[in-house]
């Protein structure tokens, strides 16, 4: 996990090959997706999808920072599916429930 100001970047590798990343913004109340640079905020290489990598990246960030990640208001269809699945795994008092 790297921090540059309020931006958090997490990259996942399979050996030397980048297979996933998350770009997040550490805001005053929550952490949320950061797609301000024109790239996807959360990306997993197609042949590594549906294996829990994106979920693990978000879990890792929450564990390491002690802060909650909330969904972006500007989600793709894939983003909606991700959050539909993620929200079911989160405790009832997690702030993301107010945003999905």
PDB file of N, CA and C in Angstrom:
ATOM      1  N   UNK A   1       0.856  -1.171   0.000  1.00  0.00           N
ATOM      2  CA  UNK A   1       0.000   0.000   0.000  1.00  0.00           C
ATOM      3  C   UNK A   1       0.900   1.230   0.000  1.00  0.00           C
ATOM      4  N   UNK A   2       0.601   2.153  -0.915  1.00  0.00           N
ATOM      5  CA  UNK A   2       1.340   3.413  -0.995  1.00  0.00           C
ATOM      6  C   UNK A   2       0.387   4.567  -0.760  1.00  0.00           C
ATOM      7  N   UNK A   3       0.906   5.568  -0.100  1.00  0.00           N
ATOM      8  CA  UNK A   3       0.140   6.801   0.112  1.00  0.00           C
ATOM      9  C   UNK A   3       0.879   7.957  -0.534  1.00  0.00           C
ATOM     10  N   UNK A   4       0.103   8.795  -1.195  1.00  0.00           N
ATOM     11  CA  UNK A   4       0.632  10.037  -1.733  1.00  0.00           C
ATOM     12  C   UNK A   4      -0.401  11.100  -1.415  1.00  0.00           C
ATOM     13  N   UNK A   5      -0.167  11.851  -0.382  1.00  0.00           N
ATOM     14  CA  UNK A   5      -1.169  12.788   0.100  1.00  0.00           C
ATOM     15  C   UNK A   5      -2.376  12.001   0.583  1.00  0.00           C
ATOM     16  N   UNK A   6      -3.537  12.310   0.034  1.00  0.00           N
ATOM     17  CA  UNK A   6      -4.764  11.606   0.425  1.00  0.00           C
ATOM     18  C   UNK A   6      -5.061  10.410  -0.480  1.00  0.00           C
ATOM     19  N   UNK A   7      -4.201  10.157  -1.429  1.00  0.00           N
ATOM     20  CA  UNK A   7      -4.420   9.040  -2.342  1.00  0.00           C
ATOM     21  C   UNK A   7      -3.747   7.775  -1.815  1.00  0.00           C
ATOM     22  N   UNK A   8      -4.486   6.675  -1.865  1.00  0.00           N
ATOM     23  CA  UNK A   8      -3.987   5.363  -1.478  1.00  0.00           C
ATOM     24  C   UNK A   8      -3.996   4.496  -2.726  1.00  0.00           C
ATOM     25  N   UNK A   9      -2.882   3.821  -2.980  1.00  0.00           N
ATOM     26  CA  UNK A   9      -2.792   2.895  -4.097  1.00  0.00           C
ATOM     27  C   UNK A   9      -2.359   1.537  -3.576  1.00  0.00           C
ATOM     28  N   UNK A  10      -3.090   0.511  -3.984  1.00  0.00           N
ATOM     29  CA  UNK A  10      -2.748  -0.866  -3.643  1.00  0.00           C
ATOM     30  C   UNK A  10      -2.631  -1.632  -4.955  1.00  0.00           C
ATOM     31  N   UNK A  11      -1.544  -2.388  -5.087  1.00  0.00           N
ATOM     32  CA  UNK A  11      -1.348  -3.204  -6.280  1.00  0.00           C
ATOM     33  C   UNK A  11      -1.188  -4.658  -5.868  1.00  0.00           C
ATOM     34  N   UNK A  12      -1.755  -5.543  -6.662  1.00  0.00           N
ATOM     35  CA  UNK A  12      -1.650  -6.989  -6.414  1.00  0.00           C
ATOM     36  C   UNK A  12      -0.890  -7.613  -7.577  1.00  0.00           C
ATOM     37  N   UNK A  13       0.053  -8.471  -7.245  1.00  0.00           N
ATOM     38  CA  UNK A  13       0.895  -9.106  -8.258  1.00  0.00           C
ATOM     39  C   UNK A  13       0.796 -10.621  -8.173  1.00  0.00           C
ATOM     40  N   UNK A  14       0.926 -11.259  -9.323  1.00  0.00           N
ATOM     41  CA  UNK A  14       1.114 -12.699  -9.421  1.00  0.00           C
ATOM     42  C   UNK A  14       2.523 -12.854  -9.973  1.00  0.00           C
ATOM     43  N   UNK A  15       3.470 -13.091  -9.092  1.00  0.00           N
ATOM     44  CA  UNK A  15       4.871 -13.031  -9.490  1.00  0.00           C
ATOM     45  C   UNK A  15       5.214 -11.590  -9.800  1.00  0.00           C
ATOM     46  N   UNK A  16       5.677 -11.334 -11.016  1.00  0.00           N
ATOM     47  CA  UNK A  16       6.028  -9.978 -11.427  1.00  0.00           C
ATOM     48  C   UNK A  16       4.919  -9.309 -12.240  1.00  0.00           C
ATOM     49  N   UNK A  17       3.788  -9.985 -12.400  1.00  0.00           N
ATOM     50  CA  UNK A  17       2.701  -9.490 -13.248  1.00  0.00           C
ATOM     51  C   UNK A  17       1.630  -8.793 -12.397  1.00  0.00           C
ATOM     52  N   UNK A  18       1.334  -7.541 -12.740  1.00  0.00           N
ATOM     53  CA  UNK A  18       0.267  -6.806 -12.066  1.00  0.00           C
ATOM     54  C   UNK A  18      -1.074  -7.436 -12.432  1.00  0.00           C
ATOM     55  N   UNK A  19      -1.831  -7.867 -11.432  1.00  0.00           N
ATOM     56  CA  UNK A  19      -3.120  -8.516 -11.706  1.00  0.00           C
ATOM     57  C   UNK A  19      -4.300  -7.756 -11.109  1.00  0.00           C
ATOM     58  N   UNK A  20      -4.023  -6.704 -10.341  1.00  0.00           N
ATOM     59  CA  UNK A  20      -5.115  -5.916  -9.794  1.00  0.00           C
ATOM     60  C   UNK A  20      -4.588  -4.681  -9.096  1.00  0.00           C
ATOM     61  N   UNK A  21      -5.456  -3.669  -9.008  1.00  0.00           N
ATOM     62  CA  UNK A  21      -5.087  -2.466  -8.254  1.00  0.00           C
ATOM     63  C   UNK A  21      -6.346  -1.751  -7.780  1.00  0.00           C
ATOM     64  N   UNK A  22      -6.135  -0.885  -6.809  1.00  0.00           N
ATOM     65  CA  UNK A  22      -7.182   0.021  -6.340  1.00  0.00           C
ATOM     66  C   UNK A  22      -6.553   1.386  -6.131  1.00  0.00           C
ATOM     67  N   UNK A  23      -7.241   2.426  -6.608  1.00  0.00           N
ATOM     68  CA  UNK A  23      -6.875   3.807  -6.359  1.00  0.00           C
ATOM     69  C   UNK A  23      -7.989   4.368  -5.489  1.00  0.00           C
ATOM     70  N   UNK A  24      -7.625   4.816  -4.309  1.00  0.00           N
ATOM     71  CA  UNK A  24      -8.622   5.265  -3.343  1.00  0.00           C
ATOM     72  C   UNK A  24      -8.273   6.647  -2.824  1.00  0.00           C
ATOM     73  N   UNK A  25      -9.287   7.376  -2.386  1.00  0.00           N
ATOM     74  CA  UNK A  25      -9.126   8.705  -1.813  1.00  0.00           C
ATOM     75  C   UNK A  25      -9.459   8.625  -0.330  1.00  0.00           C
ATOM     76  N   UNK A  26      -8.528   9.042   0.504  1.00  0.00           N
ATOM     77  CA  UNK A  26      -8.706   9.015   1.955  1.00  0.00           C
ATOM     78  C   UNK A  26      -9.314  10.341   2.378  1.00  0.00           C
ATOM     79  N   UNK A  27     -10.648  10.379   2.397  1.00  0.00           N
ATOM     80  CA  UNK A  27     -11.373  11.602   2.716  1.00  0.00           C
ATOM     81  C   UNK A  27     -11.509  11.833   4.210  1.00  0.00           C
ATOM     82  N   UNK A  28     -12.187  12.896   4.576  1.00  0.00           N
ATOM     83  CA  UNK A  28     -12.303  13.233   6.000  1.00  0.00           C
ATOM     84  C   UNK A  28     -13.109  12.218   6.812  1.00  0.00           C
ATOM     85  N   UNK A  29     -14.091  11.573   6.182  1.00  0.00           N
ATOM     86  CA  UNK A  29     -14.945  10.641   6.914  1.00  0.00           C
ATOM     87  C   UNK A  29     -14.738   9.187   6.519  1.00  0.00           C
ATOM     88  N   UNK A  30     -14.476   8.944   5.225  1.00  0.00           N
ATOM     89  CA  UNK A  30     -14.370   7.586   4.701  1.00  0.00           C
ATOM     90  C   UNK A  30     -13.307   7.534   3.622  1.00  0.00           C
ATOM     91  N   UNK A  31     -12.978   6.324   3.221  1.00  0.00           N
ATOM     92  CA  UNK A  31     -12.155   6.102   2.042  1.00  0.00           C
ATOM     93  C   UNK A  31     -13.108   5.752   0.907  1.00  0.00           C
ATOM     94  N   UNK A  32     -12.856   6.307  -0.268  1.00  0.00           N
ATOM     95  CA  UNK A  32     -13.707   5.995  -1.414  1.00  0.00           C
ATOM     96  C   UNK A  32     -12.877   5.886  -2.683  1.00  0.00           C
ATOM     97  N   UNK A  33     -13.488   5.358  -3.721  1.00  0.00           N
ATOM     98  CA  UNK A  33     -12.823   5.170  -5.005  1.00  0.00           C
ATOM     99  C   UNK A  33     -12.312   6.498  -5.537  1.00  0.00           C
ATOM    100  N   UNK A  34     -11.146   6.459  -6.174  1.00  0.00           N
ATOM    101  CA  UNK A  34     -10.551   7.649  -6.778  1.00  0.00           C
ATOM    102  C   UNK A  34     -10.249   7.343  -8.243  1.00  0.00           C
ATOM    103  N   UNK A  35     -11.121   7.833  -9.123  1.00  0.00           N
ATOM    104  CA  UNK A  35     -10.903   7.633 -10.550  1.00  0.00           C
ATOM    105  C   UNK A  35     -10.619   8.963 -11.243  1.00  0.00           C
ATOM    106  N   UNK A  36     -10.098   9.929 -10.487  1.00  0.00           N
ATOM    107  CA  UNK A  36      -9.879  11.268 -11.026  1.00  0.00           C
ATOM    108  C   UNK A  36      -8.803  11.318 -12.095  1.00  0.00           C
ATOM    109  N   UNK A  37      -7.941  10.303 -12.170  1.00  0.00           N
ATOM    110  CA  UNK A  37      -6.887  10.314 -13.184  1.00  0.00           C
ATOM    111  C   UNK A  37      -7.337   9.667 -14.494  1.00  0.00           C
ATOM    112  N   UNK A  38      -8.603   9.302 -14.589  1.00  0.00           N
ATOM    113  CA  UNK A  38      -9.132   8.705 -15.809  1.00  0.00           C
ATOM    114  C   UNK A  38      -9.013   7.195 -15.866  1.00  0.00           C
ATOM    115  N   UNK A  39      -8.382   6.585 -14.881  1.00  0.00           N
ATOM    116  CA  UNK A  39      -8.269   5.125 -14.820  1.00  0.00           C
ATOM    117  C   UNK A  39      -9.362   4.571 -13.914  1.00  0.00           C
ATOM    118  N   UNK A  40      -9.638   3.296 -14.082  1.00  0.00           N
ATOM    119  CA  UNK A  40     -10.578   2.641 -13.172  1.00  0.00           C
ATOM    120  C   UNK A  40     -10.029   2.723 -11.755  1.00  0.00           C
ATOM    121  N   UNK A  41     -10.909   2.948 -10.798  1.00  0.00           N
ATOM    122  CA  UNK A  41     -10.480   3.010  -9.403  1.00  0.00           C
ATOM    123  C   UNK A  41     -10.150   1.617  -8.872  1.00  0.00           C
ATOM    124  N   UNK A  42     -10.836   0.617  -9.369  1.00  0.00           N
ATOM    125  CA  UNK A  42     -10.604  -0.771  -8.959  1.00  0.00           C
ATOM    126  C   UNK A  42     -10.557  -1.619 -10.220  1.00  0.00           C
ATOM    127  N   UNK A  43      -9.475  -2.359 -10.397  1.00  0.00           N
ATOM    128  CA  UNK A  43      -9.292  -3.153 -11.611  1.00  0.00           C
ATOM    129  C   UNK A  43      -8.655  -4.486 -11.261  1.00  0.00           C
ATOM    130  N   UNK A  44      -9.144  -5.548 -11.898  1.00  0.00           N
ATOM    131  CA  UNK A  44      -8.540  -6.875 -11.778  1.00  0.00           C
ATOM    132  C   UNK A  44      -8.402  -7.431 -13.194  1.00  0.00           C
ATOM    133  N   UNK A  45      -7.227  -7.976 -13.473  1.00  0.00           N
ATOM    134  CA  UNK A  45      -6.961  -8.574 -14.784  1.00  0.00           C
ATOM    135  C   UNK A  45      -8.024  -9.638 -15.072  1.00  0.00           C
ATOM    136  N   UNK A  46      -8.571  -9.674 -16.287  1.00  0.00           N
ATOM    137  CA  UNK A  46      -9.688 -10.577 -16.589  1.00  0.00           C
ATOM    138  C   UNK A  46      -9.495 -12.034 -16.155  1.00  0.00           C
ATOM    139  N   UNK A  47      -8.300 -12.588 -16.342  1.00  0.00           N
ATOM    140  CA  UNK A  47      -8.125 -13.994 -15.976  1.00  0.00           C
ATOM    141  C   UNK A  47      -7.942 -14.209 -14.463  1.00  0.00           C
ATOM    142  N   UNK A  48      -8.007 -13.136 -13.687  1.00  0.00           N
ATOM    143  CA  UNK A  48      -7.947 -13.242 -12.220  1.00  0.00           C
ATOM    144  C   UNK A  48      -9.259 -12.816 -11.560  1.00  0.00           C
ATOM    145  N   UNK A  49     -10.261 -12.508 -12.354  1.00  0.00           N
ATOM    146  CA  UNK A  49     -11.554 -12.069 -11.806  1.00  0.00           C
ATOM    147  C   UNK A  49     -12.332 -13.245 -11.240  1.00  0.00           C
ATOM    148  N   UNK A  50     -13.305 -12.901 -10.388  1.00  0.00           N
ATOM    149  CA  UNK A  50     -14.219 -13.880  -9.765  1.00  0.00           C
ATOM    150  C   UNK A  50     -13.468 -14.833  -8.832  1.00  0.00           C
ATOM    151  N   UNK A  51     -12.338 -14.357  -8.285  1.00  0.00           N
ATOM    152  CA  UNK A  51     -11.558 -15.158  -7.344  1.00  0.00           C
ATOM    153  C   UNK A  51     -11.409 -14.447  -5.996  1.00  0.00           C
ATOM    154  N   UNK A  52     -12.078 -13.298  -5.843  1.00  0.00           N
ATOM    155  CA  UNK A  52     -12.043 -12.581  -4.567  1.00  0.00           C
ATOM    156  C   UNK A  52     -10.911 -11.579  -4.424  1.00  0.00           C
ATOM    157  N   UNK A  53     -10.175 -11.308  -5.500  1.00  0.00           N
ATOM    158  CA  UNK A  53      -9.040 -10.398  -5.400  1.00  0.00           C
ATOM    159  C   UNK A  53      -9.469  -8.971  -5.073  1.00  0.00           C
ATOM    160  N   UNK A  54     -10.458  -8.452  -5.772  1.00  0.00           N
ATOM    161  CA  UNK A  54     -10.922  -7.089  -5.496  1.00  0.00           C
ATOM    162  C   UNK A  54     -11.424  -6.971  -4.054  1.00  0.00           C
ATOM    163  N   UNK A  55     -12.173  -7.958  -3.599  1.00  0.00           N
ATOM    164  CA  UNK A  55     -12.671  -7.967  -2.230  1.00  0.00           C
ATOM    165  C   UNK A  55     -11.508  -7.971  -1.244  1.00  0.00           C
ATOM    166  N   UNK A  56     -10.489  -8.777  -1.536  1.00  0.00           N
ATOM    167  CA  UNK A  56      -9.316  -8.864  -0.661  1.00  0.00           C
ATOM    168  C   UNK A  56      -8.552  -7.545  -0.603  1.00  0.00           C
ATOM    169  N   UNK A  57      -8.467  -6.856  -1.727  1.00  0.00           N
ATOM    170  CA  UNK A  57      -7.788  -5.552  -1.750  1.00  0.00           C
ATOM    171  C   UNK A  57      -8.522  -4.581  -0.831  1.00  0.00           C
ATOM    172  N   UNK A  58      -9.837  -4.502  -0.947  1.00  0.00           N
ATOM    173  CA  UNK A  58     -10.603  -3.588  -0.086  1.00  0.00           C
ATOM    174  C   UNK A  58     -10.525  -4.005   1.381  1.00  0.00           C
ATOM    175  N   UNK A  59     -10.609  -5.297   1.643  1.00  0.00           N
ATOM    176  CA  UNK A  59     -10.478  -5.782   3.028  1.00  0.00           C
ATOM    177  C   UNK A  59      -9.120  -5.382   3.605  1.00  0.00           C
ATOM    178  N   UNK A  60      -8.071  -5.532   2.812  1.00  0.00           N
ATOM    179  CA  UNK A  60      -6.720  -5.183   3.235  1.00  0.00           C
ATOM    180  C   UNK A  60      -6.630  -3.699   3.597  1.00  0.00           C
ATOM    181  N   UNK A  61      -7.159  -2.839   2.740  1.00  0.00           N
ATOM    182  CA  UNK A  61      -7.100  -1.394   2.989  1.00  0.00           C
ATOM    183  C   UNK A  61      -7.842  -1.051   4.278  1.00  0.00           C
ATOM    184  N   UNK A  62      -9.023  -1.615   4.461  1.00  0.00           N
ATOM    185  CA  UNK A  62      -9.774  -1.327   5.687  1.00  0.00           C
ATOM    186  C   UNK A  62      -9.021  -1.824   6.924  1.00  0.00           C
ATOM    187  N   UNK A  63      -8.435  -2.980   6.827  1.00  0.00           N
ATOM    188  CA  UNK A  63      -7.690  -3.549   7.957  1.00  0.00           C
ATOM    189  C   UNK A  63      -6.465  -2.694   8.284  1.00  0.00           C
ATOM    190  N   UNK A  64      -5.713  -2.299   7.254  1.00  0.00           N
ATOM    191  CA  UNK A  64      -4.478  -1.549   7.461  1.00  0.00           C
ATOM    192  C   UNK A  64      -4.721  -0.103   7.916  1.00  0.00           C
ATOM    193  N   UNK A  65      -5.794   0.508   7.452  1.00  0.00           N
ATOM    194  CA  UNK A  65      -6.055   1.911   7.795  1.00  0.00           C
ATOM    195  C   UNK A  65      -6.986   2.063   8.994  1.00  0.00           C
ATOM    196  N   UNK A  66      -7.765   1.017   9.276  1.00  0.00           N
ATOM    197  CA  UNK A  66      -8.767   1.135  10.337  1.00  0.00           C
ATOM    198  C   UNK A  66      -9.936   2.014   9.941  1.00  0.00           C
ATOM    199  N   UNK A  67     -10.089   2.263   8.650  1.00  0.00           N
ATOM    200  CA  UNK A  67     -11.153   3.129   8.148  1.00  0.00           C
ATOM    201  C   UNK A  67     -12.033   2.367   7.166  1.00  0.00           C
ATOM    202  N   UNK A  68     -13.243   2.828   6.985  1.00  0.00           N
ATOM    203  CA  UNK A  68     -14.209   2.174   6.105  1.00  0.00           C
ATOM    204  C   UNK A  68     -14.131   2.714   4.684  1.00  0.00           C
ATOM    205  N   UNK A  69     -14.315   1.818   3.720  1.00  0.00           N
ATOM    206  CA  UNK A  69     -14.426   2.211   2.318  1.00  0.00           C
ATOM    207  C   UNK A  69     -15.907   2.248   1.960  1.00  0.00           C
ATOM    208  N   UNK A  70     -16.306   3.342   1.327  1.00  0.00           N
ATOM    209  CA  UNK A  70     -17.684   3.450   0.858  1.00  0.00           C
ATOM    210  C   UNK A  70     -17.674   3.399  -0.675  1.00  0.00           C
ATOM    211  N   UNK A  71     -18.783   2.989  -1.273  1.00  0.00           N
ATOM    212  CA  UNK A  71     -18.826   2.910  -2.746  1.00  0.00           C
ATOM    213  C   UNK A  71     -18.869   4.292  -3.386  1.00  0.00           C
ATOM    214  N   UNK A  72     -18.307   4.366  -4.567  1.00  0.00           N
ATOM    215  CA  UNK A  72     -18.367   5.585  -5.358  1.00  0.00           C
ATOM    216  C   UNK A  72     -19.804   5.820  -5.818  1.00  0.00           C
ATOM    217  N   UNK A  73     -20.155   7.065  -6.004  1.00  0.00           N
ATOM    218  CA  UNK A  73     -21.475   7.379  -6.560  1.00  0.00           C
ATOM    219  C   UNK A  73     -21.493   7.127  -8.065  1.00  0.00           C
ATOM    220  N   UNK A  74     -20.333   6.999  -8.676  1.00  0.00           N
ATOM    221  CA  UNK A  74     -20.209   6.817 -10.128  1.00  0.00           C
ATOM    222  C   UNK A  74     -19.675   5.420 -10.407  1.00  0.00           C
ATOM    223  N   UNK A  75     -20.526   4.413 -10.232  1.00  0.00           N
ATOM    224  CA  UNK A  75     -20.110   3.024 -10.419  1.00  0.00           C
ATOM    225  C   UNK A  75     -20.522   2.507 -11.790  1.00  0.00           C
ATOM    226  N   UNK A  76     -19.702   1.630 -12.318  1.00  0.00           N
ATOM    227  CA  UNK A  76     -20.049   0.929 -13.554  1.00  0.00           C
ATOM    228  C   UNK A  76     -20.992  -0.216 -13.193  1.00  0.00           C
ATOM    229  N   UNK A  77     -21.467  -0.927 -14.195  1.00  0.00           N
ATOM    230  CA  UNK A  77     -22.273  -2.120 -13.933  1.00  0.00           C
ATOM    231  C   UNK A  77     -21.493  -3.140 -13.123  1.00  0.00           C
ATOM    232  N   UNK A  78     -20.208  -3.305 -13.465  1.00  0.00           N
ATOM    233  CA  UNK A  78     -19.358  -4.225 -12.704  1.00  0.00           C
ATOM    234  C   UNK A  78     -19.185  -3.732 -11.270  1.00  0.00           C
ATOM    235  N   UNK A  79     -19.091  -2.419 -11.113  1.00  0.00           N
ATOM    236  CA  UNK A  79     -18.979  -1.848  -9.766  1.00  0.00           C
ATOM    237  C   UNK A  79     -20.221  -2.106  -8.936  1.00  0.00           C
ATOM    238  N   UNK A  80     -21.387  -1.997  -9.566  1.00  0.00           N
ATOM    239  CA  UNK A  80     -22.643  -2.306  -8.860  1.00  0.00           C
ATOM    240  C   UNK A  80     -22.664  -3.762  -8.409  1.00  0.00           C
ATOM    241  N   UNK A  81     -22.249  -4.662  -9.299  1.00  0.00           N
ATOM    242  CA  UNK A  81     -22.227  -6.080  -8.937  1.00  0.00           C
ATOM    243  C   UNK A  81     -21.250  -6.345  -7.794  1.00  0.00           C
ATOM    244  N   UNK A  82     -20.081  -5.699  -7.840  1.00  0.00           N
ATOM    245  CA  UNK A  82     -19.089  -5.846  -6.774  1.00  0.00           C
ATOM    246  C   UNK A  82     -19.681  -5.403  -5.440  1.00  0.00           C
ATOM    247  N   UNK A  83     -20.308  -4.226  -5.423  1.00  0.00           N
ATOM    248  CA  UNK A  83     -20.848  -3.718  -4.155  1.00  0.00           C
ATOM    249  C   UNK A  83     -22.066  -4.506  -3.696  1.00  0.00           C
ATOM    250  N   UNK A  84     -22.865  -5.025  -4.614  1.00  0.00           N
ATOM    251  CA  UNK A  84     -23.980  -5.895  -4.212  1.00  0.00           C
ATOM    252  C   UNK A  84     -23.452  -7.104  -3.442  1.00  0.00           C
ATOM    253  N   UNK A  85     -22.336  -7.659  -3.902  1.00  0.00           N
ATOM    254  CA  UNK A  85     -21.740  -8.808  -3.233  1.00  0.00           C
ATOM    255  C   UNK A  85     -21.036  -8.387  -1.935  1.00  0.00           C
ATOM    256  N   UNK A  86     -20.270  -7.290  -2.004  1.00  0.00           N
ATOM    257  CA  UNK A  86     -19.498  -6.846  -0.839  1.00  0.00           C
ATOM    258  C   UNK A  86     -20.408  -6.469   0.331  1.00  0.00           C
ATOM    259  N   UNK A  87     -21.490  -5.784   0.041  1.00  0.00           N
ATOM    260  CA  UNK A  87     -22.351  -5.274   1.110  1.00  0.00           C
ATOM    261  C   UNK A  87     -22.922  -6.419   1.955  1.00  0.00           C
ATOM    262  N   UNK A  88     -23.125  -7.566   1.337  1.00  0.00           N
ATOM    263  CA  UNK A  88     -23.657  -8.728   2.059  1.00  0.00           C
ATOM    264  C   UNK A  88     -22.659  -9.281   3.068  1.00  0.00           C
ATOM    265  N   UNK A  89     -21.365  -9.001   2.862  1.00  0.00           N
ATOM    266  CA  UNK A  89     -20.314  -9.514   3.743  1.00  0.00           C
ATOM    267  C   UNK A  89     -19.980  -8.551   4.883  1.00  0.00           C
ATOM    268  N   UNK A  90     -20.441  -7.309   4.767  1.00  0.00           N
ATOM    269  CA  UNK A  90     -20.060  -6.297   5.749  1.00  0.00           C
ATOM    270  C   UNK A  90     -20.999  -6.297   6.950  1.00  0.00           C
ATOM    271  N   UNK A  91     -20.482  -5.936   8.119  1.00  0.00           N
ATOM    272  CA  UNK A  91     -21.343  -5.846   9.297  1.00  0.00           C
ATOM    273  C   UNK A  91     -22.460  -4.819   9.076  1.00  0.00           C
ATOM    274  N   UNK A  92     -23.558  -5.003   9.758  1.00  0.00           N
ATOM    275  CA  UNK A  92     -24.740  -4.145   9.575  1.00  0.00           C
ATOM    276  C   UNK A  92     -24.427  -2.673   9.881  1.00  0.00           C
ATOM    277  N   UNK A  93     -23.439  -2.395  10.721  1.00  0.00           N
ATOM    278  CA  UNK A  93     -23.141  -1.013  11.085  1.00  0.00           C
ATOM    279  C   UNK A  93     -22.059  -0.385  10.200  1.00  0.00           C
ATOM    280  N   UNK A  94     -21.639  -1.093   9.144  1.00  0.00           N
ATOM    281  CA  UNK A  94     -20.627  -0.528   8.238  1.00  0.00           C
ATOM    282  C   UNK A  94     -21.259   0.626   7.455  1.00  0.00           C
ATOM    283  N   UNK A  95     -20.552   1.767   7.337  1.00  0.00           N
ATOM    284  CA  UNK A  95     -21.124   2.939   6.646  1.00  0.00           C
ATOM    285  C   UNK A  95     -21.497   2.703   5.189  1.00  0.00           C
ATOM    286  N   UNK A  96     -20.928   1.708   4.536  1.00  0.00           N
ATOM    287  CA  UNK A  96     -21.241   1.459   3.123  1.00  0.00           C
ATOM    288  C   UNK A  96     -22.719   1.146   2.926  1.00  0.00           C
ATOM    289  N   UNK A  97     -23.380   0.610   3.939  1.00  0.00           N
ATOM    290  CA  UNK A  97     -24.810   0.298   3.814  1.00  0.00           C
ATOM    291  C   UNK A  97     -25.633   1.553   3.505  1.00  0.00           C
ATOM    292  N   UNK A  98     -25.150   2.711   3.914  1.00  0.00           N
ATOM    293  CA  UNK A  98     -25.878   3.946   3.660  1.00  0.00           C
ATOM    294  C   UNK A  98     -25.667   4.476   2.246  1.00  0.00           C
ATOM    295  N   UNK A  99     -24.742   3.874   1.502  1.00  0.00           N
ATOM    296  CA  UNK A  99     -24.367   4.396   0.191  1.00  0.00           C
ATOM    297  C   UNK A  99     -24.750   3.483  -0.968  1.00  0.00           C
ATOM    298  N   UNK A 100     -25.162   2.256  -0.693  1.00  0.00           N
ATOM    299  CA  UNK A 100     -25.477   1.318  -1.772  1.00  0.00           C
ATOM    300  C   UNK A 100     -26.964   1.374  -2.075  1.00  0.00           C
TER     301      UNK A 100
END
